[in-house]
Amino acid sequence: MAGERMKQPGHTELSGVCSHPDFRGGGLGRLLSLFVANRIMARGEVPYLHAYATNVAAITLYESIGFRLRSRMNMAVVQRTD
């Protein structure tokens, strides 16, 4: 599956790209990512996405279809304790 999520003027996030483990490596993620990215570009918007730095498979896929690292980000998880 693949879809769109966050939107800012002129930009749309390509999001939720995933394949069932039994079907990985068959090009479905690539095909779906290209399909969604092309729909975003057809509207005159710029597609963007994000991935954890440890998700090498996703990063490899995204770079293979033309995405490039723009910025590294840090994330913190905050949890309330009682």
PDB file of N, CA and C in Angstrom:
ATOM      1  N   MET A   1       0.836  -1.169   0.000  1.00  0.00           N
ATOM      2  CA  MET A   1       0.000   0.000   0.000  1.00  0.00           C
ATOM      3  C   MET A   1       0.888   1.242   0.000  1.00  0.00           C
ATOM      4  N   ALA A   2       0.338   2.341  -0.428  1.00  0.00           N
ATOM      5  CA  ALA A   2       1.013   3.642  -0.399  1.00  0.00           C
ATOM      6  C   ALA A   2      -0.068   4.708  -0.515  1.00  0.00           C
ATOM      7  N   GLY A   3       0.188   5.857   0.069  1.00  0.00           N
ATOM      8  CA  GLY A   3      -0.811   6.911   0.020  1.00  0.00           C
ATOM      9  C   GLY A   3      -0.217   8.273   0.266  1.00  0.00           C
ATOM     10  N   GLU A   4      -1.083   9.196   0.613  1.00  0.00           N
ATOM     11  CA  GLU A   4      -0.691  10.571   0.906  1.00  0.00           C
ATOM     12  C   GLU A   4      -1.144  10.896   2.325  1.00  0.00           C
ATOM     13  N   ARG A   5      -0.387  11.783   2.963  1.00  0.00           N
ATOM     14  CA  ARG A   5      -0.761  12.154   4.323  1.00  0.00           C
ATOM     15  C   ARG A   5      -0.676  13.658   4.486  1.00  0.00           C
ATOM     16  N   MET A   6       0.419  14.160   5.012  1.00  0.00           N
ATOM     17  CA  MET A   6       0.512  15.590   5.316  1.00  0.00           C
ATOM     18  C   MET A   6       0.607  16.417   4.040  1.00  0.00           C
ATOM     19  N   LYS A   7       0.014  17.600   4.093  1.00  0.00           N
ATOM     20  CA  LYS A   7       0.045  18.510   2.950  1.00  0.00           C
ATOM     21  C   LYS A   7       0.400  19.909   3.428  1.00  0.00           C
ATOM     22  N   GLN A   8       1.311  20.532   2.724  1.00  0.00           N
ATOM     23  CA  GLN A   8       1.636  21.938   2.899  1.00  0.00           C
ATOM     24  C   GLN A   8       1.504  22.556   1.510  1.00  0.00           C
ATOM     25  N   PRO A   9       1.321  23.859   1.420  1.00  0.00           N
ATOM     26  CA  PRO A   9       1.152  24.466   0.102  1.00  0.00           C
ATOM     27  C   PRO A   9       2.281  24.040  -0.861  1.00  0.00           C
ATOM     28  N   GLY A  10       1.891  23.381  -1.937  1.00  0.00           N
ATOM     29  CA  GLY A  10       2.844  22.962  -2.960  1.00  0.00           C
ATOM     30  C   GLY A  10       3.575  21.671  -2.674  1.00  0.00           C
ATOM     31  N   HIS A  11       3.295  21.024  -1.546  1.00  0.00           N
ATOM     32  CA  HIS A  11       3.990  19.797  -1.158  1.00  0.00           C
ATOM     33  C   HIS A  11       3.001  18.790  -0.577  1.00  0.00           C
ATOM     34  N   THR A  12       3.242  17.508  -0.846  1.00  0.00           N
ATOM     35  CA  THR A  12       2.425  16.439  -0.270  1.00  0.00           C
ATOM     36  C   THR A  12       3.336  15.285   0.111  1.00  0.00           C
ATOM     37  N   GLU A  13       3.099  14.739   1.294  1.00  0.00           N
ATOM     38  CA  GLU A  13       3.889  13.608   1.767  1.00  0.00           C
ATOM     39  C   GLU A  13       3.405  12.301   1.151  1.00  0.00           C
ATOM     40  N   LEU A  14       4.315  11.552   0.585  1.00  0.00           N
ATOM     41  CA  LEU A  14       4.076  10.182   0.157  1.00  0.00           C
ATOM     42  C   LEU A  14       4.272   9.348   1.417  1.00  0.00           C
ATOM     43  N   SER A  15       3.261   8.584   1.813  1.00  0.00           N
ATOM     44  CA  SER A  15       3.295   7.962   3.134  1.00  0.00           C
ATOM     45  C   SER A  15       2.716   6.559   3.103  1.00  0.00           C
ATOM     46  N   GLY A  16       3.047   5.801   4.130  1.00  0.00           N
ATOM     47  CA  GLY A  16       2.436   4.487   4.326  1.00  0.00           C
ATOM     48  C   GLY A  16       2.862   3.440   3.331  1.00  0.00           C
ATOM     49  N   VAL A  17       4.041   3.572   2.769  1.00  0.00           N
ATOM     50  CA  VAL A  17       4.508   2.586   1.783  1.00  0.00           C
ATOM     51  C   VAL A  17       4.885   1.308   2.518  1.00  0.00           C
ATOM     52  N   CYS A  18       4.184   0.231   2.222  1.00  0.00           N
ATOM     53  CA  CYS A  18       4.552  -1.051   2.830  1.00  0.00           C
ATOM     54  C   CYS A  18       4.011  -2.199   1.988  1.00  0.00           C
ATOM     55  N   SER A  19       4.676  -3.334   2.132  1.00  0.00           N
ATOM     56  CA  SER A  19       4.283  -4.557   1.431  1.00  0.00           C
ATOM     57  C   SER A  19       4.238  -5.695   2.439  1.00  0.00           C
ATOM     58  N   HIS A  20       3.370  -6.631   2.220  1.00  0.00           N
ATOM     59  CA  HIS A  20       3.331  -7.822   3.051  1.00  0.00           C
ATOM     60  C   HIS A  20       4.663  -8.549   2.913  1.00  0.00           C
ATOM     61  N   PRO A  21       5.204  -9.066   4.000  1.00  0.00           N
ATOM     62  CA  PRO A  21       6.515  -9.732   3.931  1.00  0.00           C
ATOM     63  C   PRO A  21       6.618 -10.817   2.860  1.00  0.00           C
ATOM     64  N   ASP A  22       5.524 -11.511   2.582  1.00  0.00           N
ATOM     65  CA  ASP A  22       5.559 -12.575   1.565  1.00  0.00           C
ATOM     66  C   ASP A  22       5.738 -12.043   0.151  1.00  0.00           C
ATOM     67  N   PHE A  23       5.537 -10.739  -0.042  1.00  0.00           N
ATOM     68  CA  PHE A  23       5.586 -10.163  -1.384  1.00  0.00           C
ATOM     69  C   PHE A  23       6.680  -9.122  -1.547  1.00  0.00           C
ATOM     70  N   ARG A  24       7.561  -8.976  -0.557  1.00  0.00           N
ATOM     71  CA  ARG A  24       8.651  -8.006  -0.659  1.00  0.00           C
ATOM     72  C   ARG A  24       9.666  -8.448  -1.687  1.00  0.00           C
ATOM     73  N   GLY A  25      10.292  -7.463  -2.324  1.00  0.00           N
ATOM     74  CA  GLY A  25      11.324  -7.751  -3.315  1.00  0.00           C
ATOM     75  C   GLY A  25      10.800  -7.957  -4.720  1.00  0.00           C
ATOM     76  N   GLY A  26       9.490  -7.826  -4.888  1.00  0.00           N
ATOM     77  CA  GLY A  26       8.891  -8.031  -6.209  1.00  0.00           C
ATOM     78  C   GLY A  26       8.607  -6.742  -6.960  1.00  0.00           C
ATOM     79  N   GLY A  27       8.988  -5.606  -6.393  1.00  0.00           N
ATOM     80  CA  GLY A  27       8.802  -4.338  -7.076  1.00  0.00           C
ATOM     81  C   GLY A  27       7.498  -3.628  -6.777  1.00  0.00           C
ATOM     82  N   LEU A  28       6.674  -4.182  -5.887  1.00  0.00           N
ATOM     83  CA  LEU A  28       5.384  -3.542  -5.592  1.00  0.00           C
ATOM     84  C   LEU A  28       5.560  -2.199  -4.897  1.00  0.00           C
ATOM     85  N   GLY A  29       6.470  -2.126  -3.935  1.00  0.00           N
ATOM     86  CA  GLY A  29       6.713  -0.858  -3.243  1.00  0.00           C
ATOM     87  C   GLY A  29       7.181   0.213  -4.205  1.00  0.00           C
ATOM     88  N   ARG A  30       8.059  -0.167  -5.106  1.00  0.00           N
ATOM     89  CA  ARG A  30       8.556   0.770  -6.125  1.00  0.00           C
ATOM     90  C   ARG A  30       7.415   1.259  -7.009  1.00  0.00           C
ATOM     91  N   LEU A  31       6.616   0.330  -7.501  1.00  0.00           N
ATOM     92  CA  LEU A  31       5.499   0.668  -8.390  1.00  0.00           C
ATOM     93  C   LEU A  31       4.497   1.595  -7.699  1.00  0.00           C
ATOM     94  N   LEU A  32       4.126   1.253  -6.469  1.00  0.00           N
ATOM     95  CA  LEU A  32       3.168   2.074  -5.736  1.00  0.00           C
ATOM     96  C   LEU A  32       3.738   3.451  -5.404  1.00  0.00           C
ATOM     97  N   SER A  33       5.011   3.494  -5.007  1.00  0.00           N
ATOM     98  CA  SER A  33       5.645   4.785  -4.696  1.00  0.00           C
ATOM     99  C   SER A  33       5.674   5.678  -5.925  1.00  0.00           C
ATOM    100  N   LEU A  34       6.034   5.118  -7.060  1.00  0.00           N
ATOM    101  CA  LEU A  34       6.069   5.897  -8.301  1.00  0.00           C
ATOM    102  C   LEU A  34       4.670   6.366  -8.688  1.00  0.00           C
ATOM    103  N   PHE A  35       3.678   5.497  -8.532  1.00  0.00           N
ATOM    104  CA  PHE A  35       2.306   5.852  -8.874  1.00  0.00           C
ATOM    105  C   PHE A  35       1.839   7.051  -8.047  1.00  0.00           C
ATOM    106  N   VAL A  36       2.028   6.984  -6.730  1.00  0.00           N
ATOM    107  CA  VAL A  36       1.576   8.065  -5.853  1.00  0.00           C
ATOM    108  C   VAL A  36       2.392   9.335  -6.109  1.00  0.00           C
ATOM    109  N   ALA A  37       3.724   9.202  -6.246  1.00  0.00           N
ATOM    110  CA  ALA A  37       4.569  10.383  -6.505  1.00  0.00           C
ATOM    111  C   ALA A  37       4.169  11.054  -7.819  1.00  0.00           C
ATOM    112  N   ASN A  38       3.869  10.269  -8.839  1.00  0.00           N
ATOM    113  CA  ASN A  38       3.459  10.846 -10.127  1.00  0.00           C
ATOM    114  C   ASN A  38       2.106  11.550 -10.029  1.00  0.00           C
ATOM    115  N   ARG A  39       1.186  11.017  -9.233  1.00  0.00           N
ATOM    116  CA  ARG A  39      -0.099  11.699  -9.029  1.00  0.00           C
ATOM    117  C   ARG A  39       0.109  13.036  -8.338  1.00  0.00           C
ATOM    118  N   ILE A  40       1.009  13.071  -7.356  1.00  0.00           N
ATOM    119  CA  ILE A  40       1.302  14.318  -6.646  1.00  0.00           C
ATOM    120  C   ILE A  40       1.899  15.335  -7.616  1.00  0.00           C
ATOM    121  N   MET A  41       2.867  14.899  -8.420  1.00  0.00           N
ATOM    122  CA  MET A  41       3.514  15.808  -9.377  1.00  0.00           C
ATOM    123  C   MET A  41       2.550  16.271 -10.461  1.00  0.00           C
ATOM    124  N   ALA A  42       1.604  15.422 -10.845  1.00  0.00           N
ATOM    125  CA  ALA A  42       0.619  15.804 -11.867  1.00  0.00           C
ATOM    126  C   ALA A  42      -0.248  16.971 -11.389  1.00  0.00           C
ATOM    127  N   ARG A  43      -0.376  17.126 -10.082  1.00  0.00           N
ATOM    128  CA  ARG A  43      -1.126  18.258  -9.520  1.00  0.00           C
ATOM    129  C   ARG A  43      -0.237  19.491  -9.358  1.00  0.00           C
ATOM    130  N   GLY A  44       1.025  19.379  -9.780  1.00  0.00           N
ATOM    131  CA  GLY A  44       1.942  20.498  -9.660  1.00  0.00           C
ATOM    132  C   GLY A  44       2.553  20.629  -8.276  1.00  0.00           C
ATOM    133  N   GLU A  45       2.473  19.568  -7.484  1.00  0.00           N
ATOM    134  CA  GLU A  45       3.036  19.580  -6.139  1.00  0.00           C
ATOM    135  C   GLU A  45       4.331  18.779  -6.089  1.00  0.00           C
ATOM    136  N   VAL A  46       5.080  18.966  -5.027  1.00  0.00           N
ATOM    137  CA  VAL A  46       6.338  18.261  -4.832  1.00  0.00           C
ATOM    138  C   VAL A  46       6.121  17.149  -3.810  1.00  0.00           C
ATOM    139  N   PRO A  47       6.388  15.898  -4.192  1.00  0.00           N
ATOM    140  CA  PRO A  47       6.257  14.820  -3.214  1.00  0.00           C
ATOM    141  C   PRO A  47       7.471  14.781  -2.288  1.00  0.00           C
ATOM    142  N   TYR A  48       7.228  14.439  -1.041  1.00  0.00           N
ATOM    143  CA  TYR A  48       8.327  14.238  -0.091  1.00  0.00           C
ATOM    144  C   TYR A  48       7.954  13.072   0.806  1.00  0.00           C
ATOM    145  N   LEU A  49       8.915  12.555   1.522  1.00  0.00           N
ATOM    146  CA  LEU A  49       8.659  11.457   2.448  1.00  0.00           C
ATOM    147  C   LEU A  49       9.713  11.459   3.526  1.00  0.00           C
ATOM    148  N   HIS A  50       9.539  10.573   4.472  1.00  0.00           N
ATOM    149  CA  HIS A  50      10.530  10.432   5.531  1.00  0.00           C
ATOM    150  C   HIS A  50      10.681   8.953   5.865  1.00  0.00           C
ATOM    151  N   ALA A  51      11.824   8.597   6.432  1.00  0.00           N
ATOM    152  CA  ALA A  51      12.087   7.220   6.852  1.00  0.00           C
ATOM    153  C   ALA A  51      13.082   7.250   7.999  1.00  0.00           C
ATOM    154  N   TYR A  52      12.963   6.294   8.876  1.00  0.00           N
ATOM    155  CA  TYR A  52      13.976   6.158   9.923  1.00  0.00           C
ATOM    156  C   TYR A  52      15.318   5.837   9.268  1.00  0.00           C
ATOM    157  N   ALA A  53      16.385   6.380   9.798  1.00  0.00           N
ATOM    158  CA  ALA A  53      17.716   6.168   9.240  1.00  0.00           C
ATOM    159  C   ALA A  53      18.096   4.689   9.219  1.00  0.00           C
ATOM    160  N   THR A  54      17.499   3.907  10.099  1.00  0.00           N
ATOM    161  CA  THR A  54      17.800   2.476  10.161  1.00  0.00           C
ATOM    162  C   THR A  54      17.009   1.653   9.146  1.00  0.00           C
ATOM    163  N   ASN A  55      16.052   2.274   8.461  1.00  0.00           N
ATOM    164  CA  ASN A  55      15.225   1.555   7.482  1.00  0.00           C
ATOM    165  C   ASN A  55      15.912   1.576   6.120  1.00  0.00           C
ATOM    166  N   VAL A  56      16.978   0.807   6.023  1.00  0.00           N
ATOM    167  CA  VAL A  56      17.821   0.803   4.828  1.00  0.00           C
ATOM    168  C   VAL A  56      17.037   0.366   3.591  1.00  0.00           C
ATOM    169  N   ALA A  57      16.148  -0.602   3.735  1.00  0.00           N
ATOM    170  CA  ALA A  57      15.375  -1.071   2.573  1.00  0.00           C
ATOM    171  C   ALA A  57      14.529   0.053   1.988  1.00  0.00           C
ATOM    172  N   ALA A  58      13.858   0.811   2.854  1.00  0.00           N
ATOM    173  CA  ALA A  58      13.026   1.914   2.370  1.00  0.00           C
ATOM    174  C   ALA A  58      13.881   3.007   1.743  1.00  0.00           C
ATOM    175  N   ILE A  59      14.966   3.361   2.389  1.00  0.00           N
ATOM    176  CA  ILE A  59      15.838   4.416   1.860  1.00  0.00           C
ATOM    177  C   ILE A  59      16.409   4.013   0.510  1.00  0.00           C
ATOM    178  N   THR A  60      16.809   2.766   0.382  1.00  0.00           N
ATOM    179  CA  THR A  60      17.329   2.273  -0.901  1.00  0.00           C
ATOM    180  C   THR A  60      16.269   2.379  -1.990  1.00  0.00           C
ATOM    181  N   LEU A  61      15.045   2.000  -1.665  1.00  0.00           N
ATOM    182  CA  LEU A  61      13.941   2.110  -2.629  1.00  0.00           C
ATOM    183  C   LEU A  61      13.711   3.561  -3.022  1.00  0.00           C
ATOM    184  N   TYR A  62      13.608   4.431  -2.038  1.00  0.00           N
ATOM    185  CA  TYR A  62      13.312   5.839  -2.323  1.00  0.00           C
ATOM    186  C   TYR A  62      14.417   6.492  -3.149  1.00  0.00           C
ATOM    187  N   GLU A  63      15.658   6.196  -2.832  1.00  0.00           N
ATOM    188  CA  GLU A  63      16.761   6.756  -3.620  1.00  0.00           C
ATOM    189  C   GLU A  63      16.756   6.197  -5.043  1.00  0.00           C
ATOM    190  N   SER A  64      16.339   4.953  -5.213  1.00  0.00           N
ATOM    191  CA  SER A  64      16.335   4.347  -6.551  1.00  0.00           C
ATOM    192  C   SER A  64      15.311   4.994  -7.482  1.00  0.00           C
ATOM    193  N   ILE A  65      14.296   5.656  -6.903  1.00  0.00           N
ATOM    194  CA  ILE A  65      13.295   6.316  -7.756  1.00  0.00           C
ATOM    195  C   ILE A  65      13.468   7.833  -7.768  1.00  0.00           C
ATOM    196  N   GLY A  66      14.599   8.305  -7.232  1.00  0.00           N
ATOM    197  CA  GLY A  66      14.930   9.713  -7.396  1.00  0.00           C
ATOM    198  C   GLY A  66      14.858  10.592  -6.166  1.00  0.00           C
ATOM    199  N   PHE A  67      14.390  10.071  -5.047  1.00  0.00           N
ATOM    200  CA  PHE A  67      14.378  10.885  -3.836  1.00  0.00           C
ATOM    201  C   PHE A  67      15.796  11.002  -3.297  1.00  0.00           C
ATOM    202  N   ARG A  68      16.082  12.127  -2.676  1.00  0.00           N
ATOM    203  CA  ARG A  68      17.401  12.386  -2.093  1.00  0.00           C
ATOM    204  C   ARG A  68      17.238  12.912  -0.681  1.00  0.00           C
ATOM    205  N   LEU A  69      18.207  12.614   0.169  1.00  0.00           N
ATOM    206  CA  LEU A  69      18.181  13.103   1.542  1.00  0.00           C
ATOM    207  C   LEU A  69      18.264  14.622   1.543  1.00  0.00           C
ATOM    208  N   ARG A  70      17.311  15.256   2.168  1.00  0.00           N
ATOM    209  CA  ARG A  70      17.301  16.711   2.287  1.00  0.00           C
ATOM    210  C   ARG A  70      17.782  17.133   3.661  1.00  0.00           C
ATOM    211  N   SER A  71      17.348  16.411   4.678  1.00  0.00           N
ATOM    212  CA  SER A  71      17.681  16.805   6.037  1.00  0.00           C
ATOM    213  C   SER A  71      17.567  15.608   6.970  1.00  0.00           C
ATOM    214  N   ARG A  72      18.462  15.548   7.933  1.00  0.00           N
ATOM    215  CA  ARG A  72      18.347  14.550   8.995  1.00  0.00           C
ATOM    216  C   ARG A  72      17.553  15.184  10.125  1.00  0.00           C
ATOM    217  N   MET A  73      16.737  14.380  10.778  1.00  0.00           N
ATOM    218  CA  MET A  73      15.911  14.888  11.870  1.00  0.00           C
ATOM    219  C   MET A  73      16.107  14.011  13.098  1.00  0.00           C
ATOM    220  N   ASN A  74      15.904  14.590  14.237  1.00  0.00           N
ATOM    221  CA  ASN A  74      15.915  13.844  15.487  1.00  0.00           C
ATOM    222  C   ASN A  74      14.495  13.714  15.983  1.00  0.00           C
ATOM    223  N   MET A  75      14.222  12.604  16.642  1.00  0.00           N
ATOM    224  CA  MET A  75      12.888  12.373  17.174  1.00  0.00           C
ATOM    225  C   MET A  75      13.024  11.964  18.632  1.00  0.00           C
ATOM    226  N   ALA A  76      12.129  12.455  19.461  1.00  0.00           N
ATOM    227  CA  ALA A  76      12.099  12.082  20.865  1.00  0.00           C
ATOM    228  C   ALA A  76      10.728  11.527  21.199  1.00  0.00           C
ATOM    229  N   VAL A  77      10.691  10.501  21.996  1.00  0.00           N
ATOM    230  CA  VAL A  77       9.439   9.939  22.481  1.00  0.00           C
ATOM    231  C   VAL A  77       9.294  10.356  23.928  1.00  0.00           C
ATOM    232  N   VAL A  78       8.207  11.012  24.223  1.00  0.00           N
ATOM    233  CA  VAL A  78       7.964  11.509  25.574  1.00  0.00           C
ATOM    234  C   VAL A  78       6.797  10.734  26.137  1.00  0.00           C
ATOM    235  N   GLN A  79       6.982  10.204  27.355  1.00  0.00           N
ATOM    236  CA  GLN A  79       5.929   9.420  27.976  1.00  0.00           C
ATOM    237  C   GLN A  79       5.680   9.936  29.380  1.00  0.00           C
ATOM    238  N   ARG A  80       4.433  10.057  29.707  1.00  0.00           N
ATOM    239  CA  ARG A  80       4.052  10.509  31.048  1.00  0.00           C
ATOM    240  C   ARG A  80       4.278   9.373  32.046  1.00  0.00           C
ATOM    241  N   THR A  81       4.848   9.689  33.179  1.00  0.00           N
ATOM    242  CA  THR A  81       5.006   8.699  34.246  1.00  0.00           C
ATOM    243  C   THR A  81       4.208   9.163  35.455  1.00  0.00           C
ATOM    244  N   ASP A  82       3.617   8.239  36.119  1.00  0.00           N
ATOM    245  CA  ASP A  82       2.815   8.580  37.315  1.00  0.00           C
ATOM    246  C   ASP A  82       3.551   8.268  38.578  1.00  0.00           C
TER     247      ASP A  82
END
